[in-house]
Amino acid sequence: MTLAEQVFAQAQVLAGNLEERQYHLLKLLCRGITSSLRQQLRPGLTPDDCRADFLAAASLLALSALSGVQEGEKLEQVNVGDLTFRKRGGDPASNCLRSQAELIIAPYLRDRFHFAGV
C-alpha cells in the first residue's frame, strides 16, 4: 500500500460514510496533500521518519479541504501541488482540522516556526 493510499484509508475511517463524489474527491485530495507534505519535510527526513504524524496530518488536511468544499464555501484558489487552499468564509470544523494537522506536522517541516516547549 502506497503512502497516499494509507493517508486515504485513514481519512476514510475518520470521515465515515461518503457519497461517491466525496469518495473520489477525498482520494484526489489525499494524493495531492501527501505529495505536497513530502516536499515540505526538512532535508534528510522522509515520511517514514515521522509516519504516524505524517499520516495523521495528511488525513486531517484532506478532511479539512473536503469539509470546506462540502460546506459550499467559495474556493478562491486551490493548488494541490503546493497545498494552498484559499476560501471565503470559514467553516469552524474545517479550520479546527487544519489547525490540528498543522500542529502535528510542524516539527517536521522546513522553514516553519513552532513552539517546542519551555
N, C-alpha and C. Protein backbone atom coordinates (compact mmCIF):
# COMPACT_ATOMS: atom_id res chain seq x y z
N MET A 1 0.85 -1.17 0.00
CA MET A 1 0.00 0.00 0.00
C MET A 1 0.90 1.24 0.00
N THR A 2 0.64 2.16 -0.93
CA THR A 2 1.44 3.38 -1.01
C THR A 2 1.10 4.31 0.14
N LEU A 3 1.94 5.32 0.33
CA LEU A 3 1.72 6.29 1.39
C LEU A 3 0.39 7.03 1.17
N ALA A 4 0.13 7.43 -0.06
CA ALA A 4 -1.13 8.14 -0.37
C ALA A 4 -2.33 7.25 -0.08
N GLU A 5 -2.22 5.97 -0.35
CA GLU A 5 -3.32 5.04 -0.07
C GLU A 5 -3.52 4.89 1.44
N GLN A 6 -2.43 4.91 2.20
CA GLN A 6 -2.55 4.84 3.66
C GLN A 6 -3.21 6.10 4.22
N VAL A 7 -2.84 7.26 3.67
CA VAL A 7 -3.47 8.52 4.08
C VAL A 7 -4.96 8.46 3.75
N PHE A 8 -5.30 8.00 2.56
CA PHE A 8 -6.70 7.90 2.14
C PHE A 8 -7.47 6.94 3.03
N ALA A 9 -6.87 5.81 3.37
CA ALA A 9 -7.54 4.83 4.24
C ALA A 9 -7.84 5.44 5.60
N GLN A 10 -6.88 6.17 6.15
CA GLN A 10 -7.09 6.81 7.46
C GLN A 10 -8.15 7.90 7.35
N ALA A 11 -8.10 8.68 6.29
CA ALA A 11 -9.10 9.75 6.10
C ALA A 11 -10.50 9.17 5.96
N GLN A 12 -10.61 8.04 5.27
CA GLN A 12 -11.90 7.38 5.11
C GLN A 12 -12.47 6.94 6.46
N VAL A 13 -11.62 6.39 7.30
CA VAL A 13 -12.07 5.96 8.63
C VAL A 13 -12.59 7.15 9.41
N LEU A 14 -11.87 8.25 9.35
CA LEU A 14 -12.27 9.45 10.08
C LEU A 14 -13.53 10.09 9.49
N ALA A 15 -13.69 10.00 8.18
CA ALA A 15 -14.82 10.64 7.50
C ALA A 15 -16.12 9.86 7.65
N GLY A 16 -16.03 8.56 7.79
CA GLY A 16 -17.25 7.75 7.85
C GLY A 16 -17.80 7.51 6.46
N ASN A 17 -19.11 7.38 6.36
CA ASN A 17 -19.74 7.10 5.07
C ASN A 17 -19.63 8.30 4.14
N LEU A 18 -19.19 8.04 2.93
CA LEU A 18 -19.03 9.09 1.94
C LEU A 18 -19.86 8.77 0.70
N GLU A 19 -20.37 9.81 0.08
CA GLU A 19 -21.02 9.64 -1.22
C GLU A 19 -19.92 9.42 -2.25
N GLU A 20 -20.31 8.93 -3.43
CA GLU A 20 -19.31 8.60 -4.44
C GLU A 20 -18.47 9.81 -4.83
N ARG A 21 -19.10 10.97 -5.00
CA ARG A 21 -18.37 12.19 -5.36
C ARG A 21 -17.37 12.56 -4.27
N GLN A 22 -17.79 12.47 -3.02
CA GLN A 22 -16.91 12.79 -1.90
C GLN A 22 -15.75 11.81 -1.82
N TYR A 23 -16.04 10.54 -2.07
CA TYR A 23 -15.02 9.49 -2.06
C TYR A 23 -13.90 9.82 -3.05
N HIS A 24 -14.29 10.14 -4.27
CA HIS A 24 -13.29 10.43 -5.30
C HIS A 24 -12.54 11.73 -5.03
N LEU A 25 -13.23 12.73 -4.52
CA LEU A 25 -12.58 13.99 -4.18
C LEU A 25 -11.59 13.79 -3.03
N LEU A 26 -11.99 13.03 -2.02
CA LEU A 26 -11.09 12.76 -0.90
C LEU A 26 -9.85 12.01 -1.36
N LYS A 27 -10.02 11.07 -2.26
CA LYS A 27 -8.89 10.31 -2.79
C LYS A 27 -7.91 11.24 -3.52
N LEU A 28 -8.45 12.15 -4.31
CA LEU A 28 -7.62 13.12 -5.03
C LEU A 28 -6.90 14.04 -4.05
N LEU A 29 -7.61 14.53 -3.06
CA LEU A 29 -7.01 15.41 -2.06
C LEU A 29 -5.89 14.70 -1.30
N CYS A 30 -6.10 13.45 -0.95
CA CYS A 30 -5.08 12.69 -0.21
C CYS A 30 -3.81 12.54 -1.03
N ARG A 31 -3.95 12.26 -2.32
CA ARG A 31 -2.77 12.13 -3.18
C ARG A 31 -2.00 13.45 -3.25
N GLY A 32 -2.72 14.54 -3.47
CA GLY A 32 -2.07 15.84 -3.58
C GLY A 32 -1.41 16.29 -2.29
N ILE A 33 -2.11 16.10 -1.19
CA ILE A 33 -1.59 16.53 0.10
C ILE A 33 -0.39 15.68 0.51
N THR A 34 -0.44 14.40 0.23
CA THR A 34 0.70 13.52 0.52
C THR A 34 1.93 13.99 -0.22
N SER A 35 1.77 14.28 -1.49
CA SER A 35 2.89 14.75 -2.30
C SER A 35 3.42 16.08 -1.80
N SER A 36 2.52 16.99 -1.49
CA SER A 36 2.93 18.31 -1.02
C SER A 36 3.64 18.25 0.32
N LEU A 37 3.09 17.50 1.26
CA LEU A 37 3.74 17.39 2.57
C LEU A 37 5.11 16.74 2.47
N ARG A 38 5.23 15.75 1.61
CA ARG A 38 6.52 15.07 1.42
C ARG A 38 7.57 16.09 0.97
N GLN A 39 7.19 17.00 0.08
CA GLN A 39 8.13 18.00 -0.42
C GLN A 39 8.47 19.06 0.62
N GLN A 40 7.62 19.24 1.61
CA GLN A 40 7.84 20.26 2.63
C GLN A 40 8.63 19.76 3.83
N LEU A 41 8.92 18.47 3.88
CA LEU A 41 9.68 17.93 5.00
C LEU A 41 11.10 18.51 5.03
N ARG A 42 11.64 18.62 6.23
CA ARG A 42 13.02 19.10 6.37
C ARG A 42 13.96 18.20 5.59
N PRO A 43 15.05 18.77 5.10
CA PRO A 43 16.03 17.95 4.38
C PRO A 43 16.50 16.77 5.24
N GLY A 44 16.57 15.63 4.63
CA GLY A 44 17.00 14.42 5.34
C GLY A 44 15.88 13.63 5.96
N LEU A 45 14.70 14.20 6.08
CA LEU A 45 13.55 13.49 6.64
C LEU A 45 12.71 12.88 5.53
N THR A 46 12.16 11.72 5.81
CA THR A 46 11.23 11.09 4.90
C THR A 46 9.92 10.86 5.66
N PRO A 47 8.84 10.61 4.96
CA PRO A 47 7.58 10.31 5.65
C PRO A 47 7.71 9.13 6.61
N ASP A 48 8.59 8.20 6.30
CA ASP A 48 8.78 7.04 7.20
C ASP A 48 9.38 7.46 8.54
N ASP A 49 10.15 8.55 8.56
CA ASP A 49 10.77 9.02 9.80
C ASP A 49 9.74 9.57 10.79
N CYS A 50 8.59 9.98 10.26
CA CYS A 50 7.54 10.54 11.12
C CYS A 50 6.18 10.00 10.67
N ARG A 51 6.15 8.71 10.36
CA ARG A 51 5.00 8.07 9.70
C ARG A 51 3.66 8.35 10.38
N ALA A 52 3.56 8.12 11.65
CA ALA A 52 2.26 8.30 12.34
C ALA A 52 1.79 9.74 12.26
N ASP A 53 2.70 10.68 12.52
CA ASP A 53 2.34 12.08 12.46
C ASP A 53 2.05 12.52 11.02
N PHE A 54 2.81 12.01 10.08
CA PHE A 54 2.60 12.34 8.68
C PHE A 54 1.21 11.87 8.23
N LEU A 55 0.87 10.63 8.55
CA LEU A 55 -0.43 10.09 8.16
C LEU A 55 -1.57 10.87 8.82
N ALA A 56 -1.41 11.18 10.09
CA ALA A 56 -2.45 11.93 10.80
C ALA A 56 -2.63 13.31 10.19
N ALA A 57 -1.54 14.03 9.99
CA ALA A 57 -1.63 15.39 9.47
C ALA A 57 -2.19 15.41 8.05
N ALA A 58 -1.70 14.52 7.20
CA ALA A 58 -2.18 14.49 5.81
C ALA A 58 -3.67 14.14 5.75
N SER A 59 -4.11 13.19 6.54
CA SER A 59 -5.53 12.82 6.51
C SER A 59 -6.41 13.94 7.06
N LEU A 60 -5.95 14.63 8.10
CA LEU A 60 -6.71 15.76 8.64
C LEU A 60 -6.76 16.92 7.66
N LEU A 61 -5.66 17.19 6.97
CA LEU A 61 -5.67 18.25 5.96
C LEU A 61 -6.64 17.91 4.82
N ALA A 62 -6.65 16.66 4.41
CA ALA A 62 -7.58 16.24 3.34
C ALA A 62 -9.02 16.40 3.79
N LEU A 63 -9.31 16.01 5.02
CA LEU A 63 -10.67 16.15 5.55
C LEU A 63 -11.05 17.61 5.69
N SER A 64 -10.10 18.44 6.07
CA SER A 64 -10.35 19.87 6.18
C SER A 64 -10.73 20.44 4.82
N ALA A 65 -9.98 20.08 3.81
CA ALA A 65 -10.27 20.56 2.46
C ALA A 65 -11.62 20.04 1.97
N LEU A 66 -11.89 18.77 2.24
CA LEU A 66 -13.17 18.18 1.84
C LEU A 66 -14.32 18.87 2.56
N SER A 67 -14.15 19.15 3.84
CA SER A 67 -15.18 19.81 4.63
C SER A 67 -15.47 21.20 4.07
N GLY A 68 -14.44 21.91 3.70
CA GLY A 68 -14.62 23.24 3.14
C GLY A 68 -15.40 23.22 1.84
N VAL A 69 -15.13 22.24 1.01
CA VAL A 69 -15.85 22.11 -0.25
C VAL A 69 -17.29 21.70 0.01
N GLN A 70 -17.52 20.82 0.95
CA GLN A 70 -18.86 20.34 1.26
C GLN A 70 -19.74 21.44 1.82
N GLU A 71 -19.16 22.36 2.55
CA GLU A 71 -19.93 23.43 3.16
C GLU A 71 -20.37 24.47 2.15
N GLY A 72 -19.95 24.30 0.91
CA GLY A 72 -20.38 25.21 -0.13
C GLY A 72 -19.65 26.54 -0.12
N GLU A 73 -18.55 26.60 0.58
CA GLU A 73 -17.77 27.83 0.58
C GLU A 73 -17.17 28.04 -0.79
N LYS A 74 -16.98 29.26 -1.15
CA LYS A 74 -16.41 29.58 -2.44
C LYS A 74 -14.89 29.47 -2.35
N LEU A 75 -14.34 28.53 -3.08
CA LEU A 75 -12.89 28.40 -3.12
C LEU A 75 -12.34 29.45 -4.06
N GLU A 76 -11.41 30.24 -3.56
CA GLU A 76 -10.80 31.26 -4.39
C GLU A 76 -9.59 30.71 -5.12
N GLN A 77 -8.89 29.76 -4.50
CA GLN A 77 -7.67 29.22 -5.08
C GLN A 77 -7.43 27.83 -4.53
N VAL A 78 -7.02 26.90 -5.40
CA VAL A 78 -6.63 25.56 -4.98
C VAL A 78 -5.38 25.19 -5.75
N ASN A 79 -4.29 24.94 -5.04
CA ASN A 79 -3.04 24.47 -5.64
C ASN A 79 -2.63 23.22 -4.88
N VAL A 80 -3.02 22.07 -5.35
CA VAL A 80 -2.74 20.85 -4.63
C VAL A 80 -1.24 20.56 -4.56
N GLY A 81 -0.50 20.88 -5.61
CA GLY A 81 0.93 20.64 -5.60
C GLY A 81 1.65 21.41 -4.50
N ASP A 82 1.22 22.59 -4.21
CA ASP A 82 1.81 23.40 -3.15
C ASP A 82 0.96 23.41 -1.89
N LEU A 83 -0.13 22.69 -1.92
CA LEU A 83 -1.06 22.59 -0.79
C LEU A 83 -1.56 23.95 -0.36
N THR A 84 -2.13 24.70 -1.29
CA THR A 84 -2.71 26.00 -1.00
C THR A 84 -4.20 25.93 -1.23
N PHE A 85 -4.98 26.11 -0.18
CA PHE A 85 -6.43 26.18 -0.28
C PHE A 85 -6.84 27.53 0.28
N ARG A 86 -7.43 28.35 -0.53
CA ARG A 86 -7.91 29.63 -0.04
C ARG A 86 -9.40 29.69 -0.32
N LYS A 87 -10.13 30.12 0.69
CA LYS A 87 -11.58 30.16 0.54
C LYS A 87 -12.14 31.35 1.28
N ARG A 88 -13.33 31.69 0.89
CA ARG A 88 -14.05 32.75 1.59
C ARG A 88 -14.83 32.14 2.71
N GLY A 89 -15.00 32.90 3.76
CA GLY A 89 -15.75 32.38 4.90
C GLY A 89 -14.87 31.45 5.70
N GLY A 90 -15.45 30.85 6.68
CA GLY A 90 -14.67 29.94 7.49
C GLY A 90 -15.55 28.94 8.19
N ASP A 91 -15.36 27.70 7.84
CA ASP A 91 -16.08 26.61 8.48
C ASP A 91 -15.29 26.24 9.73
N PRO A 92 -15.88 26.39 10.93
CA PRO A 92 -15.14 26.10 12.16
C PRO A 92 -14.55 24.69 12.22
N ALA A 93 -15.30 23.71 11.75
CA ALA A 93 -14.79 22.32 11.77
C ALA A 93 -13.59 22.18 10.86
N SER A 94 -13.68 22.74 9.68
CA SER A 94 -12.58 22.69 8.73
C SER A 94 -11.35 23.41 9.28
N ASN A 95 -11.56 24.57 9.87
CA ASN A 95 -10.44 25.32 10.45
C ASN A 95 -9.78 24.56 11.60
N CYS A 96 -10.58 23.89 12.41
CA CYS A 96 -10.06 23.10 13.52
C CYS A 96 -9.21 21.94 13.01
N LEU A 97 -9.71 21.22 12.01
CA LEU A 97 -8.96 20.10 11.43
C LEU A 97 -7.63 20.58 10.86
N ARG A 98 -7.66 21.68 10.14
CA ARG A 98 -6.44 22.22 9.54
C ARG A 98 -5.45 22.64 10.63
N SER A 99 -5.94 23.30 11.66
CA SER A 99 -5.05 23.73 12.76
C SER A 99 -4.40 22.55 13.45
N GLN A 100 -5.16 21.51 13.71
CA GLN A 100 -4.61 20.32 14.35
C GLN A 100 -3.57 19.65 13.47
N ALA A 101 -3.85 19.58 12.18
CA ALA A 101 -2.89 18.98 11.25
C ALA A 101 -1.59 19.78 11.22
N GLU A 102 -1.71 21.09 11.20
CA GLU A 102 -0.52 21.94 11.18
C GLU A 102 0.31 21.78 12.45
N LEU A 103 -0.35 21.64 13.59
CA LEU A 103 0.37 21.42 14.84
C LEU A 103 1.11 20.08 14.85
N ILE A 104 0.48 19.08 14.30
CA ILE A 104 1.08 17.74 14.27
C ILE A 104 2.32 17.70 13.39
N ILE A 105 2.24 18.30 12.21
CA ILE A 105 3.32 18.16 11.23
C ILE A 105 4.39 19.25 11.35
N ALA A 106 4.11 20.33 12.04
CA ALA A 106 5.03 21.46 12.12
C ALA A 106 6.47 21.11 12.50
N PRO A 107 6.69 20.24 13.48
CA PRO A 107 8.09 19.95 13.86
C PRO A 107 8.92 19.29 12.76
N TYR A 108 8.27 18.76 11.74
CA TYR A 108 8.97 18.03 10.69
C TYR A 108 9.16 18.85 9.41
N LEU A 109 8.55 20.01 9.34
CA LEU A 109 8.61 20.81 8.12
C LEU A 109 9.77 21.78 8.14
N ARG A 110 10.30 22.06 6.98
CA ARG A 110 11.39 23.04 6.87
C ARG A 110 10.80 24.45 6.89
N ASP A 111 11.61 25.37 7.30
CA ASP A 111 11.24 26.78 7.30
C ASP A 111 9.91 27.07 7.96
N ARG A 112 9.62 26.39 9.03
CA ARG A 112 8.40 26.61 9.77
C ARG A 112 8.74 26.93 11.21
N PHE A 113 8.02 27.86 11.81
CA PHE A 113 8.19 28.17 13.21
C PHE A 113 7.19 27.36 14.02
N HIS A 114 7.62 26.79 15.10
CA HIS A 114 6.71 26.10 16.01
C HIS A 114 7.28 26.15 17.42
N PHE A 115 6.41 26.07 18.38
CA PHE A 115 6.82 26.04 19.78
C PHE A 115 7.19 24.59 20.14
N ALA A 116 8.37 24.40 20.65
CA ALA A 116 8.82 23.09 21.04
C ALA A 116 8.62 22.84 22.53
N GLY A 117 8.25 23.85 23.25
CA GLY A 117 8.05 23.70 24.70
C GLY A 117 9.10 24.50 25.45
N VAL A 118 8.81 24.70 26.71
CA VAL A 118 9.72 25.50 27.53
C VAL A 118 10.14 24.68 28.72
